[in-house]
Amino acid sequence: MARGDAEMRIRVPEDIKKWLAEQAKLNCRTQASQIVFTLRSAMSGAKALDAESEN
């Protein structure tokens, strides 16, 4: 991610924070990169569901 990217502070439950840290470590990513990866994956899934519902 670039310095020009938007910043956002969020609060998450402890179990999500722990899961995120574990996933980031397993995938050799920073926690920020893991969040972006997870959100982009969810966005792709949502787009696929939207496309199916249009047909």
C-alpha atoms as a PDB file:
ATOM      1  CA  MET A   1       0.000   0.000   0.000  1.00  0.00           C
ATOM      2  CA  ALA A   2       1.177   3.475  -0.793  1.00  0.00           C
ATOM      3  CA  ARG A   3       1.429   6.443   1.527  1.00  0.00           C
ATOM      4  CA  GLY A   4      -1.245   8.144  -0.547  1.00  0.00           C
ATOM      5  CA  ASP A   5      -3.817   5.496   0.381  1.00  0.00           C
ATOM      6  CA  ALA A   6      -6.664   6.531   2.662  1.00  0.00           C
ATOM      7  CA  GLU A   7      -6.243   5.788   6.345  1.00  0.00           C
ATOM      8  CA  MET A   8      -8.925   4.494   8.680  1.00  0.00           C
ATOM      9  CA  ARG A   9      -8.946   3.587  12.359  1.00  0.00           C
ATOM     10  CA  ILE A  10     -11.442   0.945  13.432  1.00  0.00           C
ATOM     11  CA  ARG A  11     -12.290  -0.953  16.584  1.00  0.00           C
ATOM     12  CA  VAL A  12     -12.716  -4.714  16.317  1.00  0.00           C
ATOM     13  CA  PRO A  13     -13.545  -7.423  18.836  1.00  0.00           C
ATOM     14  CA  GLU A  14     -10.536  -9.193  20.333  1.00  0.00           C
ATOM     15  CA  ASP A  15     -11.315 -12.487  18.569  1.00  0.00           C
ATOM     16  CA  ILE A  16     -11.222 -10.783  15.169  1.00  0.00           C
ATOM     17  CA  LYS A  17      -7.949  -9.034  16.034  1.00  0.00           C
ATOM     18  CA  LYS A  18      -6.424 -12.362  17.047  1.00  0.00           C
ATOM     19  CA  TRP A  19      -7.678 -14.086  13.873  1.00  0.00           C
ATOM     20  CA  LEU A  20      -6.332 -11.257  11.736  1.00  0.00           C
ATOM     21  CA  ALA A  21      -2.895 -11.454  13.346  1.00  0.00           C
ATOM     22  CA  GLU A  22      -2.816 -15.234  12.817  1.00  0.00           C
ATOM     23  CA  GLN A  23      -3.893 -14.959   9.177  1.00  0.00           C
ATOM     24  CA  ALA A  24      -1.372 -12.215   8.465  1.00  0.00           C
ATOM     25  CA  LYS A  25       1.434 -14.298   9.948  1.00  0.00           C
ATOM     26  CA  LEU A  26       0.388 -17.423   8.029  1.00  0.00           C
ATOM     27  CA  ASN A  27       0.253 -15.469   4.761  1.00  0.00           C
ATOM     28  CA  CYS A  28       3.468 -13.461   5.371  1.00  0.00           C
ATOM     29  CA  ARG A  29       1.528 -10.200   5.200  1.00  0.00           C
ATOM     30  CA  THR A  30       1.234  -7.176   7.419  1.00  0.00           C
ATOM     31  CA  GLN A  31      -2.066  -6.920   9.247  1.00  0.00           C
ATOM     32  CA  ALA A  32      -2.999  -3.959   7.046  1.00  0.00           C
ATOM     33  CA  SER A  33      -2.288  -5.969   3.902  1.00  0.00           C
ATOM     34  CA  GLN A  34      -4.284  -8.894   5.279  1.00  0.00           C
ATOM     35  CA  ILE A  35      -7.264  -6.612   5.911  1.00  0.00           C
ATOM     36  CA  VAL A  36      -7.106  -5.297   2.338  1.00  0.00           C
ATOM     37  CA  PHE A  37      -6.770  -8.824   0.931  1.00  0.00           C
ATOM     38  CA  THR A  38      -9.731 -10.083   2.975  1.00  0.00           C
ATOM     39  CA  LEU A  39     -11.923  -7.126   2.017  1.00  0.00           C
ATOM     40  CA  ARG A  40     -11.040  -7.443  -1.684  1.00  0.00           C
ATOM     41  CA  SER A  41     -11.898 -11.152  -1.533  1.00  0.00           C
ATOM     42  CA  ALA A  42     -15.260 -10.312   0.032  1.00  0.00           C
ATOM     43  CA  MET A  43     -15.854  -7.661  -2.638  1.00  0.00           C
ATOM     44  CA  SER A  44     -15.163 -10.195  -5.404  1.00  0.00           C
ATOM     45  CA  GLY A  45     -17.590 -12.659  -3.829  1.00  0.00           C
ATOM     46  CA  ALA A  46     -20.253  -9.992  -3.526  1.00  0.00           C
ATOM     47  CA  LYS A  47     -19.818  -8.999  -7.175  1.00  0.00           C
ATOM     48  CA  ALA A  48     -20.219 -12.644  -8.232  1.00  0.00           C
ATOM     49  CA  LEU A  49     -23.420 -12.950  -6.180  1.00  0.00           C
ATOM     50  CA  ASP A  50     -24.744  -9.704  -7.668  1.00  0.00           C
ATOM     51  CA  ALA A  51     -24.031 -10.971 -11.195  1.00  0.00           C
ATOM     52  CA  GLU A  52     -25.862 -14.245 -10.462  1.00  0.00           C
ATOM     53  CA  SER A  53     -28.899 -12.451  -9.085  1.00  0.00           C
ATOM     54  CA  GLU A  54     -29.138 -10.303 -12.207  1.00  0.00           C
ATOM     55  CA  ASN A  55     -29.527 -13.388 -14.417  1.00  0.00           C
END
